[in-house]
Amino acid sequence: MLVRFTLVTKAKEWVENSVLNYVPNYAKYKAKMLAKVQPTKDERQPALVEINDYFKPCLIVSSSDSKTIVFIPSSPDTDNGEVLIADSRKVKAINMDIVEFKNSLLLSGKGMKYN
């Protein structure tokens, strides 16, 4: 039984890595499905990152003394966006929880805090 389970798992992984990666948006839908099946609390901190002379809403992924990795979500699909590595001095955390932040993005910035 254990050998069968191992073979099935290896076959599934091979199909995903060899064939399904060429299906458009497969990885995106797989990630969304896994998030619904195995929900976890989003621990990222909402923030604003300074780019040129303006600020963009973002989520802090990780930070060190000099650099911070941020995710800049798209609006209205907050699961898509871009990742930037910014100077930590240009990233300012804002006092919002993640749900409030995403709802603000869905409303085109209405309710966004910018202390």
PDB file of N, CA and C in Angstrom:
ATOM      1  N   MET A   1       0.828  -1.189   0.000  1.00  0.00           N
ATOM      2  CA  MET A   1       0.000   0.000   0.000  1.00  0.00           C
ATOM      3  C   MET A   1       0.877   1.260   0.000  1.00  0.00           C
ATOM      4  N   LEU A   2       1.916   1.245   0.816  1.00  0.00           N
ATOM      5  CA  LEU A   2       2.815   2.395   0.901  1.00  0.00           C
ATOM      6  C   LEU A   2       3.530   2.634  -0.434  1.00  0.00           C
ATOM      7  N   VAL A   3       3.910   1.553  -1.098  1.00  0.00           N
ATOM      8  CA  VAL A   3       4.584   1.674  -2.392  1.00  0.00           C
ATOM      9  C   VAL A   3       3.628   2.283  -3.418  1.00  0.00           C
ATOM     10  N   ARG A   4       2.382   1.857  -3.416  1.00  0.00           N
ATOM     11  CA  ARG A   4       1.395   2.419  -4.346  1.00  0.00           C
ATOM     12  C   ARG A   4       1.211   3.909  -4.108  1.00  0.00           C
ATOM     13  N   PHE A   5       1.078   4.283  -2.837  1.00  0.00           N
ATOM     14  CA  PHE A   5       0.888   5.695  -2.498  1.00  0.00           C
ATOM     15  C   PHE A   5       2.084   6.523  -2.959  1.00  0.00           C
ATOM     16  N   THR A   6       3.298   6.021  -2.758  1.00  0.00           N
ATOM     17  CA  THR A   6       4.500   6.711  -3.187  1.00  0.00           C
ATOM     18  C   THR A   6       4.544   6.848  -4.707  1.00  0.00           C
ATOM     19  N   LEU A   7       4.187   5.789  -5.426  1.00  0.00           N
ATOM     20  CA  LEU A   7       4.175   5.841  -6.881  1.00  0.00           C
ATOM     21  C   LEU A   7       3.136   6.839  -7.404  1.00  0.00           C
ATOM     22  N   VAL A   8       1.965   6.866  -6.780  1.00  0.00           N
ATOM     23  CA  VAL A   8       0.923   7.805  -7.198  1.00  0.00           C
ATOM     24  C   VAL A   8       1.385   9.238  -6.944  1.00  0.00           C
ATOM     25  N   THR A   9       2.007   9.479  -5.808  1.00  0.00           N
ATOM     26  CA  THR A   9       2.499  10.820  -5.487  1.00  0.00           C
ATOM     27  C   THR A   9       3.574  11.246  -6.478  1.00  0.00           C
ATOM     28  N   LYS A  10       4.494  10.360  -6.793  1.00  0.00           N
ATOM     29  CA  LYS A  10       5.551  10.687  -7.754  1.00  0.00           C
ATOM     30  C   LYS A  10       4.974  10.942  -9.139  1.00  0.00           C
ATOM     31  N   ALA A  11       3.967  10.150  -9.531  1.00  0.00           N
ATOM     32  CA  ALA A  11       3.338  10.344 -10.839  1.00  0.00           C
ATOM     33  C   ALA A  11       2.621  11.696 -10.886  1.00  0.00           C
ATOM     34  N   LYS A  12       1.925  12.060  -9.812  1.00  0.00           N
ATOM     35  CA  LYS A  12       1.236  13.350  -9.741  1.00  0.00           C
ATOM     36  C   LYS A  12       2.236  14.495  -9.841  1.00  0.00           C
ATOM     37  N   GLU A  13       3.333  14.395  -9.122  1.00  0.00           N
ATOM     38  CA  GLU A  13       4.366  15.435  -9.172  1.00  0.00           C
ATOM     39  C   GLU A  13       4.969  15.547 -10.566  1.00  0.00           C
ATOM     40  N   TRP A  14       5.194  14.412 -11.223  1.00  0.00           N
ATOM     41  CA  TRP A  14       5.753  14.437 -12.579  1.00  0.00           C
ATOM     42  C   TRP A  14       4.795  15.129 -13.545  1.00  0.00           C
ATOM     43  N   VAL A  15       3.495  14.799 -13.453  1.00  0.00           N
ATOM     44  CA  VAL A  15       2.505  15.417 -14.339  1.00  0.00           C
ATOM     45  C   VAL A  15       2.460  16.914 -14.089  1.00  0.00           C
ATOM     46  N   GLU A  16       2.454  17.326 -12.814  1.00  0.00           N
ATOM     47  CA  GLU A  16       2.416  18.760 -12.500  1.00  0.00           C
ATOM     48  C   GLU A  16       3.658  19.469 -13.019  1.00  0.00           C
ATOM     49  N   ASN A  17       4.820  18.912 -12.818  1.00  0.00           N
ATOM     50  CA  ASN A  17       6.068  19.559 -13.223  1.00  0.00           C
ATOM     51  C   ASN A  17       6.322  19.497 -14.724  1.00  0.00           C
ATOM     52  N   SER A  18       5.872  18.452 -15.381  1.00  0.00           N
ATOM     53  CA  SER A  18       6.177  18.272 -16.800  1.00  0.00           C
ATOM     54  C   SER A  18       5.099  18.792 -17.746  1.00  0.00           C
ATOM     55  N   VAL A  19       3.851  18.626 -17.371  1.00  0.00           N
ATOM     56  CA  VAL A  19       2.769  18.937 -18.294  1.00  0.00           C
ATOM     57  C   VAL A  19       1.982  20.173 -17.858  1.00  0.00           C
ATOM     58  N   LEU A  20       1.527  20.188 -16.617  1.00  0.00           N
ATOM     59  CA  LEU A  20       0.601  21.223 -16.180  1.00  0.00           C
ATOM     60  C   LEU A  20       1.246  22.605 -16.051  1.00  0.00           C
ATOM     61  N   ASN A  21       2.554  22.679 -15.963  1.00  0.00           N
ATOM     62  CA  ASN A  21       3.204  23.993 -15.923  1.00  0.00           C
ATOM     63  C   ASN A  21       2.998  24.764 -17.215  1.00  0.00           C
ATOM     64  N   TYR A  22       2.671  24.065 -18.289  1.00  0.00           N
ATOM     65  CA  TYR A  22       2.430  24.722 -19.570  1.00  0.00           C
ATOM     66  C   TYR A  22       0.976  25.166 -19.736  1.00  0.00           C
ATOM     67  N   VAL A  23       0.112  24.774 -18.806  1.00  0.00           N
ATOM     68  CA  VAL A  23      -1.281  25.215 -18.840  1.00  0.00           C
ATOM     69  C   VAL A  23      -1.326  26.631 -18.266  1.00  0.00           C
ATOM     70  N   PRO A  24      -1.886  27.582 -19.016  1.00  0.00           N
ATOM     71  CA  PRO A  24      -1.912  28.967 -18.531  1.00  0.00           C
ATOM     72  C   PRO A  24      -2.631  29.089 -17.182  1.00  0.00           C
ATOM     73  N   ASN A  25      -2.016  29.801 -16.271  1.00  0.00           N
ATOM     74  CA  ASN A  25      -2.573  30.114 -14.946  1.00  0.00           C
ATOM     75  C   ASN A  25      -2.761  28.902 -14.033  1.00  0.00           C
ATOM     76  N   TYR A  26      -2.177  27.748 -14.370  1.00  0.00           N
ATOM     77  CA  TYR A  26      -2.336  26.563 -13.518  1.00  0.00           C
ATOM     78  C   TYR A  26      -1.772  26.813 -12.126  1.00  0.00           C
ATOM     79  N   ALA A  27      -0.584  27.390 -12.026  1.00  0.00           N
ATOM     80  CA  ALA A  27       0.037  27.620 -10.722  1.00  0.00           C
ATOM     81  C   ALA A  27      -0.800  28.580  -9.877  1.00  0.00           C
ATOM     82  N   LYS A  28      -1.376  29.582 -10.519  1.00  0.00           N
ATOM     83  CA  LYS A  28      -2.207  30.554  -9.800  1.00  0.00           C
ATOM     84  C   LYS A  28      -3.434  29.870  -9.206  1.00  0.00           C
ATOM     85  N   TYR A  29      -4.133  29.062 -10.016  1.00  0.00           N
ATOM     86  CA  TYR A  29      -5.326  28.391  -9.529  1.00  0.00           C
ATOM     87  C   TYR A  29      -5.007  27.325  -8.493  1.00  0.00           C
ATOM     88  N   LYS A  30      -3.874  26.673  -8.638  1.00  0.00           N
ATOM     89  CA  LYS A  30      -3.457  25.680  -7.646  1.00  0.00           C
ATOM     90  C   LYS A  30      -3.192  26.361  -6.308  1.00  0.00           C
ATOM     91  N   ALA A  31      -2.513  27.504  -6.329  1.00  0.00           N
ATOM     92  CA  ALA A  31      -2.226  28.235  -5.095  1.00  0.00           C
ATOM     93  C   ALA A  31      -3.518  28.713  -4.432  1.00  0.00           C
ATOM     94  N   LYS A  32      -4.478  29.195  -5.224  1.00  0.00           N
ATOM     95  CA  LYS A  32      -5.761  29.635  -4.667  1.00  0.00           C
ATOM     96  C   LYS A  32      -6.519  28.463  -4.051  1.00  0.00           C
ATOM     97  N   MET A  33      -6.489  27.315  -4.721  1.00  0.00           N
ATOM     98  CA  MET A  33      -7.175  26.143  -4.209  1.00  0.00           C
ATOM     99  C   MET A  33      -6.542  25.678  -2.899  1.00  0.00           C
ATOM    100  N   LEU A  34      -5.215  25.651  -2.841  1.00  0.00           N
ATOM    101  CA  LEU A  34      -4.536  25.248  -1.608  1.00  0.00           C
ATOM    102  C   LEU A  34      -4.815  26.224  -0.473  1.00  0.00           C
ATOM    103  N   ALA A  35      -4.928  27.513  -0.787  1.00  0.00           N
ATOM    104  CA  ALA A  35      -5.231  28.511   0.240  1.00  0.00           C
ATOM    105  C   ALA A  35      -6.628  28.298   0.813  1.00  0.00           C
ATOM    106  N   LYS A  36      -7.563  27.839  -0.013  1.00  0.00           N
ATOM    107  CA  LYS A  36      -8.913  27.582   0.480  1.00  0.00           C
ATOM    108  C   LYS A  36      -8.986  26.274   1.260  1.00  0.00           C
ATOM    109  N   VAL A  37      -8.218  25.280   0.826  1.00  0.00           N
ATOM    110  CA  VAL A  37      -8.237  23.981   1.506  1.00  0.00           C
ATOM    111  C   VAL A  37      -7.458  24.038   2.811  1.00  0.00           C
ATOM    112  N   GLN A  38      -6.323  24.735   2.810  1.00  0.00           N
ATOM    113  CA  GLN A  38      -5.479  24.844   3.998  1.00  0.00           C
ATOM    114  C   GLN A  38      -5.303  26.325   4.349  1.00  0.00           C
ATOM    115  N   PRO A  39      -6.354  26.966   4.885  1.00  0.00           N
ATOM    116  CA  PRO A  39      -6.253  28.411   5.154  1.00  0.00           C
ATOM    117  C   PRO A  39      -5.245  28.713   6.263  1.00  0.00           C
ATOM    118  N   THR A  40      -4.504  29.791   6.069  1.00  0.00           N
ATOM    119  CA  THR A  40      -3.577  30.282   7.079  1.00  0.00           C
ATOM    120  C   THR A  40      -3.795  31.781   7.218  1.00  0.00           C
ATOM    121  N   LYS A  41      -3.458  32.310   8.362  1.00  0.00           N
ATOM    122  CA  LYS A  41      -3.610  33.741   8.604  1.00  0.00           C
ATOM    123  C   LYS A  41      -2.479  34.488   7.903  1.00  0.00           C
ATOM    124  N   ASP A  42      -2.843  35.522   7.188  1.00  0.00           N
ATOM    125  CA  ASP A  42      -1.849  36.345   6.494  1.00  0.00           C
ATOM    126  C   ASP A  42      -1.183  37.259   7.517  1.00  0.00           C
ATOM    127  N   GLU A  43       0.104  37.068   7.740  1.00  0.00           N
ATOM    128  CA  GLU A  43       0.843  37.808   8.765  1.00  0.00           C
ATOM    129  C   GLU A  43       1.586  39.019   8.216  1.00  0.00           C
ATOM    130  N   ARG A  44       1.436  39.324   6.931  1.00  0.00           N
ATOM    131  CA  ARG A  44       2.159  40.448   6.343  1.00  0.00           C
ATOM    132  C   ARG A  44       1.603  41.771   6.866  1.00  0.00           C
ATOM    133  N   GLN A  45       2.498  42.732   7.052  1.00  0.00           N
ATOM    134  CA  GLN A  45       2.134  44.046   7.577  1.00  0.00           C
ATOM    135  C   GLN A  45       1.844  45.023   6.440  1.00  0.00           C
ATOM    136  N   PRO A  46       0.658  45.647   6.420  1.00  0.00           N
ATOM    137  CA  PRO A  46       0.397  46.687   5.421  1.00  0.00           C
ATOM    138  C   PRO A  46       1.344  47.867   5.610  1.00  0.00           C
ATOM    139  N   ALA A  47       1.746  48.454   4.496  1.00  0.00           N
ATOM    140  CA  ALA A  47       2.706  49.558   4.546  1.00  0.00           C
ATOM    141  C   ALA A  47       2.564  50.422   3.297  1.00  0.00           C
ATOM    142  N   LEU A  48       3.347  51.470   3.255  1.00  0.00           N
ATOM    143  CA  LEU A  48       3.478  52.322   2.079  1.00  0.00           C
ATOM    144  C   LEU A  48       4.942  52.347   1.697  1.00  0.00           C
ATOM    145  N   VAL A  49       5.239  52.180   0.414  1.00  0.00           N
ATOM    146  CA  VAL A  49       6.612  52.239  -0.060  1.00  0.00           C
ATOM    147  C   VAL A  49       6.747  53.477  -0.940  1.00  0.00           C
ATOM    148  N   GLU A  50       7.803  54.241  -0.698  1.00  0.00           N
ATOM    149  CA  GLU A  50       8.042  55.461  -1.468  1.00  0.00           C
ATOM    150  C   GLU A  50       8.757  55.103  -2.767  1.00  0.00           C
ATOM    151  N   ILE A  51       8.126  55.472  -3.870  1.00  0.00           N
ATOM    152  CA  ILE A  51       8.714  55.265  -5.191  1.00  0.00           C
ATOM    153  C   ILE A  51       8.696  56.618  -5.882  1.00  0.00           C
ATOM    154  N   ASN A  52       9.870  57.135  -6.195  1.00  0.00           N
ATOM    155  CA  ASN A  52      10.023  58.488  -6.728  1.00  0.00           C
ATOM    156  C   ASN A  52       9.432  59.480  -5.729  1.00  0.00           C
ATOM    157  N   ASP A  53       8.397  60.214  -6.087  1.00  0.00           N
ATOM    158  CA  ASP A  53       7.823  61.212  -5.179  1.00  0.00           C
ATOM    159  C   ASP A  53       6.437  60.828  -4.678  1.00  0.00           C
ATOM    160  N   TYR A  54       6.069  59.564  -4.777  1.00  0.00           N
ATOM    161  CA  TYR A  54       4.749  59.160  -4.307  1.00  0.00           C
ATOM    162  C   TYR A  54       4.854  57.855  -3.523  1.00  0.00           C
ATOM    163  N   PHE A  55       3.774  57.479  -2.849  1.00  0.00           N
ATOM    164  CA  PHE A  55       3.739  56.271  -2.042  1.00  0.00           C
ATOM    165  C   PHE A  55       2.777  55.265  -2.660  1.00  0.00           C
ATOM    166  N   LYS A  56       3.148  53.984  -2.604  1.00  0.00           N
ATOM    167  CA  LYS A  56       2.294  52.910  -3.095  1.00  0.00           C
ATOM    168  C   LYS A  56       1.960  51.990  -1.927  1.00  0.00           C
ATOM    169  N   PRO A  57       0.689  51.561  -1.821  1.00  0.00           N
ATOM    170  CA  PRO A  57       0.347  50.593  -0.774  1.00  0.00           C
ATOM    171  C   PRO A  57       1.012  49.254  -1.061  1.00  0.00           C
ATOM    172  N   CYS A  58       1.500  48.626  -0.009  1.00  0.00           N
ATOM    173  CA  CYS A  58       2.201  47.347  -0.168  1.00  0.00           C
ATOM    174  C   CYS A  58       2.056  46.526   1.099  1.00  0.00           C
ATOM    175  N   LEU A  59       2.585  45.321   1.044  1.00  0.00           N
ATOM    176  CA  LEU A  59       2.646  44.429   2.196  1.00  0.00           C
ATOM    177  C   LEU A  59       4.105  44.072   2.441  1.00  0.00           C
ATOM    178  N   ILE A  60       4.539  44.177   3.682  1.00  0.00           N
ATOM    179  CA  ILE A  60       5.921  43.838   4.023  1.00  0.00           C
ATOM    180  C   ILE A  60       6.032  42.318   4.119  1.00  0.00           C
ATOM    181  N   VAL A  61       6.900  41.746   3.288  1.00  0.00           N
ATOM    182  CA  VAL A  61       7.125  40.305   3.291  1.00  0.00           C
ATOM    183  C   VAL A  61       8.202  39.964   4.314  1.00  0.00           C
ATOM    184  N   SER A  62       9.319  40.675   4.248  1.00  0.00           N
ATOM    185  CA  SER A  62      10.388  40.517   5.238  1.00  0.00           C
ATOM    186  C   SER A  62      11.255  41.760   5.198  1.00  0.00           C
ATOM    187  N   SER A  63      11.987  41.974   6.281  1.00  0.00           N
ATOM    188  CA  SER A  63      12.843  43.166   6.300  1.00  0.00           C
ATOM    189  C   SER A  63      14.091  42.915   7.135  1.00  0.00           C
ATOM    190  N   SER A  64      15.113  43.681   6.804  1.00  0.00           N
ATOM    191  CA  SER A  64      16.346  43.691   7.572  1.00  0.00           C
ATOM    192  C   SER A  64      16.641  45.160   7.872  1.00  0.00           C
ATOM    193  N   ASP A  65      17.832  45.443   8.361  1.00  0.00           N
ATOM    194  CA  ASP A  65      18.170  46.824   8.695  1.00  0.00           C
ATOM    195  C   ASP A  65      18.197  47.727   7.470  1.00  0.00           C
ATOM    196  N   SER A  66      18.689  47.222   6.349  1.00  0.00           N
ATOM    197  CA  SER A  66      18.871  48.093   5.192  1.00  0.00           C
ATOM    198  C   SER A  66      17.877  47.849   4.055  1.00  0.00           C
ATOM    199  N   LYS A  67      17.367  46.634   3.897  1.00  0.00           N
ATOM    200  CA  LYS A  67      16.473  46.309   2.786  1.00  0.00           C
ATOM    201  C   LYS A  67      15.182  45.671   3.291  1.00  0.00           C
ATOM    202  N   THR A  68      14.103  45.925   2.572  1.00  0.00           N
ATOM    203  CA  THR A  68      12.798  45.343   2.888  1.00  0.00           C
ATOM    204  C   THR A  68      12.195  44.775   1.606  1.00  0.00           C
ATOM    205  N   ILE A  69      11.688  43.556   1.693  1.00  0.00           N
ATOM    206  CA  ILE A  69      11.001  42.938   0.568  1.00  0.00           C
ATOM    207  C   ILE A  69       9.520  43.241   0.730  1.00  0.00           C
ATOM    208  N   VAL A  70       8.932  43.853  -0.308  1.00  0.00           N
ATOM    209  CA  VAL A  70       7.513  44.213  -0.260  1.00  0.00           C
ATOM    210  C   VAL A  70       6.777  43.607  -1.444  1.00  0.00           C
ATOM    211  N   PHE A  71       5.509  43.335  -1.229  1.00  0.00           N
ATOM    212  CA  PHE A  71       4.617  42.873  -2.280  1.00  0.00           C
ATOM    213  C   PHE A  71       3.621  43.985  -2.547  1.00  0.00           C
ATOM    214  N   ILE A  72       3.567  44.457  -3.793  1.00  0.00           N
ATOM    215  CA  ILE A  72       2.640  45.515  -4.177  1.00  0.00           C
ATOM    216  C   ILE A  72       1.469  44.853  -4.907  1.00  0.00           C
ATOM    217  N   PRO A  73       0.316  44.729  -4.219  1.00  0.00           N
ATOM    218  CA  PRO A  73      -0.821  44.054  -4.840  1.00  0.00           C
ATOM    219  C   PRO A  73      -1.484  44.904  -5.919  1.00  0.00           C
ATOM    220  N   SER A  74      -2.057  44.226  -6.884  1.00  0.00           N
ATOM    221  CA  SER A  74      -2.842  44.904  -7.915  1.00  0.00           C
ATOM    222  C   SER A  74      -4.241  45.183  -7.366  1.00  0.00           C
ATOM    223  N   SER A  75      -4.924  46.089  -8.002  1.00  0.00           N
ATOM    224  CA  SER A  75      -6.292  46.364  -7.621  1.00  0.00           C
ATOM    225  C   SER A  75      -7.168  46.081  -8.825  1.00  0.00           C
ATOM    226  N   PRO A  76      -8.209  45.343  -8.746  1.00  0.00           N
ATOM    227  CA  PRO A  76      -8.878  44.810  -7.573  1.00  0.00           C
ATOM    228  C   PRO A  76      -8.432  43.399  -7.171  1.00  0.00           C
ATOM    229  N   ASP A  77      -7.631  42.705  -7.985  1.00  0.00           N
ATOM    230  CA  ASP A  77      -7.186  41.348  -7.647  1.00  0.00           C
ATOM    231  C   ASP A  77      -5.941  41.433  -6.781  1.00  0.00           C
ATOM    232  N   THR A  78      -6.129  41.414  -5.470  1.00  0.00           N
ATOM    233  CA  THR A  78      -5.016  41.620  -4.542  1.00  0.00           C
ATOM    234  C   THR A  78      -4.102  40.410  -4.422  1.00  0.00           C
ATOM    235  N   ASP A  79      -4.446  39.302  -5.084  1.00  0.00           N
ATOM    236  CA  ASP A  79      -3.558  38.134  -5.077  1.00  0.00           C
ATOM    237  C   ASP A  79      -2.448  38.265  -6.107  1.00  0.00           C
ATOM    238  N   ASN A  80      -2.619  39.155  -7.067  1.00  0.00           N
ATOM    239  CA  ASN A  80      -1.597  39.410  -8.083  1.00  0.00           C
ATOM    240  C   ASN A  80      -0.904  40.724  -7.779  1.00  0.00           C
ATOM    241  N   GLY A  81       0.334  40.840  -8.233  1.00  0.00           N
ATOM    242  CA  GLY A  81       1.069  42.077  -8.023  1.00  0.00           C
ATOM    243  C   GLY A  81       2.528  41.885  -8.354  1.00  0.00           C
ATOM    244  N   GLU A  82       3.357  42.709  -7.741  1.00  0.00           N
ATOM    245  CA  GLU A  82       4.793  42.618  -7.990  1.00  0.00           C
ATOM    246  C   GLU A  82       5.555  42.656  -6.678  1.00  0.00           C
ATOM    247  N   VAL A  83       6.753  42.097  -6.703  1.00  0.00           N
ATOM    248  CA  VAL A  83       7.629  42.055  -5.535  1.00  0.00           C
ATOM    249  C   VAL A  83       8.791  43.005  -5.779  1.00  0.00           C
ATOM    250  N   LEU A  84       9.088  43.825  -4.787  1.00  0.00           N
ATOM    251  CA  LEU A  84      10.205  44.763  -4.869  1.00  0.00           C
ATOM    252  C   LEU A  84      11.094  44.616  -3.650  1.00  0.00           C
ATOM    253  N   ILE A  85      12.365  44.901  -3.833  1.00  0.00           N
ATOM    254  CA  ILE A  85      13.290  45.011  -2.704  1.00  0.00           C
ATOM    255  C   ILE A  85      13.616  46.486  -2.586  1.00  0.00           C
ATOM    256  N   ALA A  86      13.185  47.079  -1.477  1.00  0.00           N
ATOM    257  CA  ALA A  86      13.299  48.525  -1.296  1.00  0.00           C
ATOM    258  C   ALA A  86      14.210  48.850  -0.126  1.00  0.00           C
ATOM    259  N   ASP A  87      14.732  50.061  -0.143  1.00  0.00           N
ATOM    260  CA  ASP A  87      15.483  50.584   0.982  1.00  0.00           C
ATOM    261  C   ASP A  87      14.530  50.675   2.177  1.00  0.00           C
ATOM    262  N   SER A  88      14.915  50.139   3.317  1.00  0.00           N
ATOM    263  CA  SER A  88      14.043  50.104   4.490  1.00  0.00           C
ATOM    264  C   SER A  88      13.588  51.489   4.924  1.00  0.00           C
ATOM    265  N   ARG A  89      14.382  52.514   4.643  1.00  0.00           N
ATOM    266  CA  ARG A  89      13.983  53.875   5.020  1.00  0.00           C
ATOM    267  C   ARG A  89      12.813  54.379   4.193  1.00  0.00           C
ATOM    268  N   LYS A  90      12.540  53.740   3.048  1.00  0.00           N
ATOM    269  CA  LYS A  90      11.456  54.176   2.168  1.00  0.00           C
ATOM    270  C   LYS A  90      10.169  53.388   2.372  1.00  0.00           C
ATOM    271  N   VAL A  91      10.161  52.500   3.359  1.00  0.00           N
ATOM    272  CA  VAL A  91       8.978  51.691   3.648  1.00  0.00           C
ATOM    273  C   VAL A  91       8.446  52.111   5.015  1.00  0.00           C
ATOM    274  N   LYS A  92       7.159  52.483   5.041  1.00  0.00           N
ATOM    275  CA  LYS A  92       6.547  52.956   6.274  1.00  0.00           C
ATOM    276  C   LYS A  92       5.315  52.114   6.574  1.00  0.00           C
ATOM    277  N   ALA A  93       5.335  51.385   7.690  1.00  0.00           N
ATOM    278  CA  ALA A  93       4.194  50.561   8.089  1.00  0.00           C
ATOM    279  C   ALA A  93       3.011  51.463   8.423  1.00  0.00           C
ATOM    280  N   ILE A  94       1.817  50.984   8.110  1.00  0.00           N
ATOM    281  CA  ILE A  94       0.605  51.734   8.435  1.00  0.00           C
ATOM    282  C   ILE A  94      -0.243  50.927   9.407  1.00  0.00           C
ATOM    283  N   ASN A  95      -1.062  51.628  10.157  1.00  0.00           N
ATOM    284  CA  ASN A  95      -1.858  51.004  11.211  1.00  0.00           C
ATOM    285  C   ASN A  95      -3.186  50.495  10.641  1.00  0.00           C
ATOM    286  N   MET A  96      -3.114  49.374   9.921  1.00  0.00           N
ATOM    287  CA  MET A  96      -4.299  48.710   9.363  1.00  0.00           C
ATOM    288  C   MET A  96      -4.100  47.212   9.481  1.00  0.00           C
ATOM    289  N   ASP A  97      -5.193  46.483   9.652  1.00  0.00           N
ATOM    290  CA  ASP A  97      -5.043  45.032   9.574  1.00  0.00           C
ATOM    291  C   ASP A  97      -5.176  44.605   8.112  1.00  0.00           C
ATOM    292  N   ILE A  98      -4.818  43.367   7.819  1.00  0.00           N
ATOM    293  CA  ILE A  98      -4.723  42.899   6.440  1.00  0.00           C
ATOM    294  C   ILE A  98      -6.084  42.906   5.733  1.00  0.00           C
ATOM    295  N   VAL A  99      -7.155  42.571   6.440  1.00  0.00           N
ATOM    296  CA  VAL A  99      -8.488  42.542   5.837  1.00  0.00           C
ATOM    297  C   VAL A  99      -8.928  43.955   5.472  1.00  0.00           C
ATOM    298  N   GLU A 100      -8.731  44.888   6.382  1.00  0.00           N
ATOM    299  CA  GLU A 100      -9.080  46.291   6.136  1.00  0.00           C
ATOM    300  C   GLU A 100      -8.276  46.840   4.954  1.00  0.00           C
ATOM    301  N   PHE A 101      -6.995  46.473   4.878  1.00  0.00           N
ATOM    302  CA  PHE A 101      -6.118  46.925   3.798  1.00  0.00           C
ATOM    303  C   PHE A 101      -6.599  46.407   2.439  1.00  0.00           C
ATOM    304  N   LYS A 102      -6.901  45.108   2.355  1.00  0.00           N
ATOM    305  CA  LYS A 102      -7.357  44.526   1.089  1.00  0.00           C
ATOM    306  C   LYS A 102      -8.718  45.087   0.677  1.00  0.00           C
ATOM    307  N   ASN A 103      -9.602  45.314   1.648  1.00  0.00           N
ATOM    308  CA  ASN A 103     -10.899  45.920   1.327  1.00  0.00           C
ATOM    309  C   ASN A 103     -10.713  47.324   0.779  1.00  0.00           C
ATOM    310  N   SER A 104      -9.766  48.067   1.322  1.00  0.00           N
ATOM    311  CA  SER A 104      -9.490  49.407   0.825  1.00  0.00           C
ATOM    312  C   SER A 104      -9.003  49.357  -0.622  1.00  0.00           C
ATOM    313  N   LEU A 105      -8.158  48.384  -0.943  1.00  0.00           N
ATOM    314  CA  LEU A 105      -7.691  48.236  -2.326  1.00  0.00           C
ATOM    315  C   LEU A 105      -8.831  47.876  -3.269  1.00  0.00           C
ATOM    316  N   LEU A 106      -9.758  47.044  -2.795  1.00  0.00           N
ATOM    317  CA  LEU A 106     -10.917  46.677  -3.616  1.00  0.00           C
ATOM    318  C   LEU A 106     -11.793  47.892  -3.901  1.00  0.00           C
ATOM    319  N   LEU A 107     -11.764  48.863  -2.996  1.00  0.00           N
ATOM    320  CA  LEU A 107     -12.548  50.095  -3.162  1.00  0.00           C
ATOM    321  C   LEU A 107     -11.705  51.219  -3.765  1.00  0.00           C
ATOM    322  N   SER A 108     -10.661  50.863  -4.496  1.00  0.00           N
ATOM    323  CA  SER A 108      -9.779  51.832  -5.174  1.00  0.00           C
ATOM    324  C   SER A 108      -9.136  52.816  -4.214  1.00  0.00           C
ATOM    325  N   GLY A 109      -8.793  52.351  -3.023  1.00  0.00           N
ATOM    326  CA  GLY A 109      -8.066  53.173  -2.057  1.00  0.00           C
ATOM    327  C   GLY A 109      -8.933  53.852  -1.023  1.00  0.00           C
ATOM    328  N   LYS A 110     -10.243  53.749  -1.126  1.00  0.00           N
ATOM    329  CA  LYS A 110     -11.124  54.390  -0.157  1.00  0.00           C
ATOM    330  C   LYS A 110     -10.910  53.761   1.224  1.00  0.00           C
ATOM    331  N   GLY A 111     -10.630  54.588   2.204  1.00  0.00           N
ATOM    332  CA  GLY A 111     -10.391  54.108   3.568  1.00  0.00           C
ATOM    333  C   GLY A 111      -8.931  53.796   3.862  1.00  0.00           C
ATOM    334  N   MET A 112      -8.042  54.025   2.904  1.00  0.00           N
ATOM    335  CA  MET A 112      -6.604  53.760   3.091  1.00  0.00           C
ATOM    336  C   MET A 112      -6.043  54.750   4.110  1.00  0.00           C
ATOM    337  N   LYS A 113      -5.281  54.238   5.048  1.00  0.00           N
ATOM    338  CA  LYS A 113      -4.640  55.103   6.051  1.00  0.00           C
ATOM    339  C   LYS A 113      -3.240  55.481   5.549  1.00  0.00           C
ATOM    340  N   TYR A 114      -2.822  56.671   5.836  1.00  0.00           N
ATOM    341  CA  TYR A 114      -1.513  57.136   5.377  1.00  0.00           C
ATOM    342  C   TYR A 114      -0.861  58.014   6.430  1.00  0.00           C
ATOM    343  N   ASN A 115      -0.824  57.515   7.671  1.00  0.00           N
ATOM    344  CA  ASN A 115      -0.284  58.304   8.796  1.00  0.00           C
ATOM    345  C   ASN A 115       1.092  58.768   8.545  1.00  0.00           C
TER     346      ASN A 115
END
